[in-house]
Structures are given as C-alpha cells and as structure tokens.
Amino acid sequence: MSTTDLVELLPVPVPDPVPDLSIVELRDTIEAMNKHNQIEALRIFTTHGVTVNENKYGIHINLSEVSQDILITLNKFVQYIHMQEKTIDEGEKQKDEYKRMLLSSNP
C-alpha cells in the first residue's frame, strides 16, 4: 500500500490537524521534509500527471499550475506526516520515561 493510498484512508477529521497550508507554506514544508517523504510527495505529483522539471539543482514543480485537488491531497499528506511524527515523538517520550523509571528502581 503506497503513501498516496494511506493519505486517502485518513480518518476525517484528523486529530490535532495541521491547518490547510498556502502554496508557499506547502512548498516550504515539503522542502523541509526528509528525502523519503519528499519522494512520496513527488509520487503524488507524478501520479496526477503534474509536469516535473529536473536539473542539477533538484526537481522543480510550478505549484501555481497544480490543480486544487492535488493541493488538497498534498495537504492531507502533510497532515499524515505531522500526525505520524507526533505519534513517534510521543512513543519516544514514553520509552524514555520507562527507561528512567527502570533505571531509578534498580540500585
């Protein structure tokens, strides 16, 4: 199952959702993502037939020419990634708390 499929399966509303982003905010968010997530965002563009320009500096997409439906899908993807990162952070905090409790209980 691809990330695009998972984005379509997101429950509505997403708990603690990221508000819909403007085109500039969406661009900045995608640029700040790790490489894996950037590739998944690119996959969303390519599966919808968006023209992608590539040069030695990277891949460029004119977001002002992208349809509203694709921008909505990208916003859902960003929400999914935000929710995933929040879940991972909470799990890491819980793990650290368990470690701290175990180490403090052992003399």
C-alpha atoms as a PDB file:
ATOM      1  CA  MET A   1       0.000   0.000   0.000  1.00  0.00           C
ATOM      2  CA  SER A   2       1.541   3.320  -1.043  1.00  0.00           C
ATOM      3  CA  THR A   3       1.553   6.519   0.983  1.00  0.00           C
ATOM      4  CA  THR A   4      -0.901   8.010  -1.503  1.00  0.00           C
ATOM      5  CA  ASP A   5      -3.347   5.212  -0.658  1.00  0.00           C
ATOM      6  CA  LEU A   6      -2.803   5.847   3.058  1.00  0.00           C
ATOM      7  CA  VAL A   7      -3.483   9.560   2.597  1.00  0.00           C
ATOM      8  CA  GLU A   8      -6.827   8.709   1.024  1.00  0.00           C
ATOM      9  CA  LEU A   9      -7.647   6.472   4.038  1.00  0.00           C
ATOM     10  CA  LEU A  10      -7.021   9.195   6.623  1.00  0.00           C
ATOM     11  CA  PRO A  11      -9.895   9.486   9.056  1.00  0.00           C
ATOM     12  CA  VAL A  12     -11.734  12.773   8.881  1.00  0.00           C
ATOM     13  CA  PRO A  13     -11.163  14.886  10.859  1.00  0.00           C
ATOM     14  CA  VAL A  14      -7.513  14.191  11.637  1.00  0.00           C
ATOM     15  CA  PRO A  15      -6.808  14.553  15.373  1.00  0.00           C
ATOM     16  CA  ASP A  16      -4.895  17.790  16.019  1.00  0.00           C
ATOM     17  CA  PRO A  17      -4.857  18.640  12.314  1.00  0.00           C
ATOM     18  CA  VAL A  18      -2.392  20.923  10.665  1.00  0.00           C
ATOM     19  CA  PRO A  19      -4.396  23.741   9.097  1.00  0.00           C
ATOM     20  CA  ASP A  20      -4.556  23.805   5.313  1.00  0.00           C
ATOM     21  CA  LEU A  21      -1.355  25.352   4.096  1.00  0.00           C
ATOM     22  CA  SER A  22      -0.926  28.038   1.473  1.00  0.00           C
ATOM     23  CA  ILE A  23       1.104  27.180  -1.610  1.00  0.00           C
ATOM     24  CA  VAL A  24       4.196  28.857  -0.134  1.00  0.00           C
ATOM     25  CA  GLU A  25       3.777  27.069   3.225  1.00  0.00           C
ATOM     26  CA  LEU A  26       3.206  23.774   1.407  1.00  0.00           C
ATOM     27  CA  ARG A  27       6.389  24.294  -0.630  1.00  0.00           C
ATOM     28  CA  ASP A  28       8.417  25.172   2.485  1.00  0.00           C
ATOM     29  CA  THR A  29       7.022  22.181   4.381  1.00  0.00           C
ATOM     30  CA  ILE A  30       7.874  19.741   1.577  1.00  0.00           C
ATOM     31  CA  GLU A  31      11.365  21.241   1.196  1.00  0.00           C
ATOM     32  CA  ALA A  32      11.969  20.747   4.945  1.00  0.00           C
ATOM     33  CA  MET A  33      10.885  17.072   4.894  1.00  0.00           C
ATOM     34  CA  ASN A  34      13.360  14.223   4.837  1.00  0.00           C
ATOM     35  CA  LYS A  35      14.234  12.696   1.479  1.00  0.00           C
ATOM     36  CA  HIS A  36      11.853   9.742   1.836  1.00  0.00           C
ATOM     37  CA  ASN A  37       8.851  11.997   2.431  1.00  0.00           C
ATOM     38  CA  GLN A  38       9.904  14.311  -0.404  1.00  0.00           C
ATOM     39  CA  ILE A  39       9.927  11.309  -2.740  1.00  0.00           C
ATOM     40  CA  GLU A  40       6.416  10.387  -1.577  1.00  0.00           C
ATOM     41  CA  ALA A  41       5.260  13.976  -2.250  1.00  0.00           C
ATOM     42  CA  LEU A  42       6.844  13.732  -5.713  1.00  0.00           C
ATOM     43  CA  ARG A  43       4.976  10.472  -6.257  1.00  0.00           C
ATOM     44  CA  ILE A  44       1.705  12.314  -5.580  1.00  0.00           C
ATOM     45  CA  PHE A  45       2.612  14.847  -8.259  1.00  0.00           C
ATOM     46  CA  THR A  46       3.674  12.286 -10.842  1.00  0.00           C
ATOM     47  CA  THR A  47       0.657  10.016 -10.343  1.00  0.00           C
ATOM     48  CA  HIS A  48      -1.564  13.026 -11.074  1.00  0.00           C
ATOM     49  CA  GLY A  49       0.348  13.890 -14.261  1.00  0.00           C
ATOM     50  CA  VAL A  50       1.938  17.119 -12.987  1.00  0.00           C
ATOM     51  CA  THR A  51       4.817  18.420 -15.112  1.00  0.00           C
ATOM     52  CA  VAL A  52       8.074  17.976 -13.230  1.00  0.00           C
ATOM     53  CA  ASN A  53      11.249  19.834 -14.241  1.00  0.00           C
ATOM     54  CA  GLU A  54      14.578  18.456 -13.131  1.00  0.00           C
ATOM     55  CA  ASN A  55      18.041  19.994 -13.325  1.00  0.00           C
ATOM     56  CA  LYS A  56      21.323  19.641 -11.447  1.00  0.00           C
ATOM     57  CA  TYR A  57      19.889  21.650  -8.526  1.00  0.00           C
ATOM     58  CA  GLY A  58      16.901  19.407  -7.987  1.00  0.00           C
ATOM     59  CA  ILE A  59      13.310  18.887  -9.043  1.00  0.00           C
ATOM     60  CA  HIS A  60      11.078  21.891  -9.624  1.00  0.00           C
ATOM     61  CA  ILE A  61       7.291  21.990  -9.816  1.00  0.00           C
ATOM     62  CA  ASN A  62       5.263  25.117 -10.522  1.00  0.00           C
ATOM     63  CA  LEU A  63       2.704  24.854  -7.718  1.00  0.00           C
ATOM     64  CA  SER A  64       0.638  27.705  -9.120  1.00  0.00           C
ATOM     65  CA  GLU A  65      -0.244  25.441 -12.059  1.00  0.00           C
ATOM     66  CA  VAL A  66      -1.260  22.475  -9.858  1.00  0.00           C
ATOM     67  CA  SER A  67      -4.982  21.779  -9.506  1.00  0.00           C
ATOM     68  CA  GLN A  68      -6.790  22.376  -6.223  1.00  0.00           C
ATOM     69  CA  ASP A  69      -7.478  18.620  -5.878  1.00  0.00           C
ATOM     70  CA  ILE A  70      -3.754  17.854  -5.893  1.00  0.00           C
ATOM     71  CA  LEU A  71      -3.077  20.627  -3.372  1.00  0.00           C
ATOM     72  CA  ILE A  72      -5.751  19.112  -1.115  1.00  0.00           C
ATOM     73  CA  THR A  73      -4.097  15.698  -1.449  1.00  0.00           C
ATOM     74  CA  LEU A  74      -0.714  17.239  -0.574  1.00  0.00           C
ATOM     75  CA  ASN A  75      -2.233  18.964   2.455  1.00  0.00           C
ATOM     76  CA  LYS A  76      -3.625  15.597   3.587  1.00  0.00           C
ATOM     77  CA  PHE A  77      -0.188  14.068   3.070  1.00  0.00           C
ATOM     78  CA  VAL A  78       1.418  16.803   5.202  1.00  0.00           C
ATOM     79  CA  GLN A  79      -1.219  16.204   7.903  1.00  0.00           C
ATOM     80  CA  TYR A  80      -0.478  12.479   7.771  1.00  0.00           C
ATOM     81  CA  ILE A  81       3.267  13.092   8.172  1.00  0.00           C
ATOM     82  CA  HIS A  82       2.623  15.559  11.011  1.00  0.00           C
ATOM     83  CA  MET A  83       0.412  13.021  12.796  1.00  0.00           C
ATOM     84  CA  GLN A  84       2.982  10.260  12.226  1.00  0.00           C
ATOM     85  CA  GLU A  85       5.838  12.389  13.631  1.00  0.00           C
ATOM     86  CA  LYS A  86       3.733  13.381  16.640  1.00  0.00           C
ATOM     87  CA  THR A  87       2.924   9.712  17.349  1.00  0.00           C
ATOM     88  CA  ILE A  88       6.595   8.757  17.082  1.00  0.00           C
ATOM     89  CA  ASP A  89       7.614  11.613  19.394  1.00  0.00           C
ATOM     90  CA  GLU A  90       5.025  10.552  21.981  1.00  0.00           C
ATOM     91  CA  GLY A  91       6.283   6.957  21.781  1.00  0.00           C
ATOM     92  CA  GLU A  92       9.881   8.108  22.258  1.00  0.00           C
ATOM     93  CA  LYS A  93       8.912  10.200  25.287  1.00  0.00           C
ATOM     94  CA  GLN A  94       7.080   7.221  26.785  1.00  0.00           C
ATOM     95  CA  LYS A  95      10.061   4.960  26.116  1.00  0.00           C
ATOM     96  CA  ASP A  96      12.409   7.449  27.797  1.00  0.00           C
ATOM     97  CA  GLU A  97      10.068   7.655  30.785  1.00  0.00           C
ATOM     98  CA  TYR A  98      10.053   3.842  31.114  1.00  0.00           C
ATOM     99  CA  LYS A  99      13.856   3.789  30.907  1.00  0.00           C
ATOM    100  CA  ARG A 100      14.111   6.458  33.582  1.00  0.00           C
ATOM    101  CA  MET A 101      11.717   4.536  35.840  1.00  0.00           C
ATOM    102  CA  LEU A 102      13.581   1.251  35.357  1.00  0.00           C
ATOM    103  CA  LEU A 103      16.992   2.797  35.963  1.00  0.00           C
ATOM    104  CA  SER A 104      15.832   4.637  39.084  1.00  0.00           C
ATOM    105  CA  SER A 105      14.225   1.499  40.558  1.00  0.00           C
ATOM    106  CA  ASN A 106      17.369  -0.627  40.099  1.00  0.00           C
ATOM    107  CA  PRO A 107      20.003   0.072  42.788  1.00  0.00           C
END
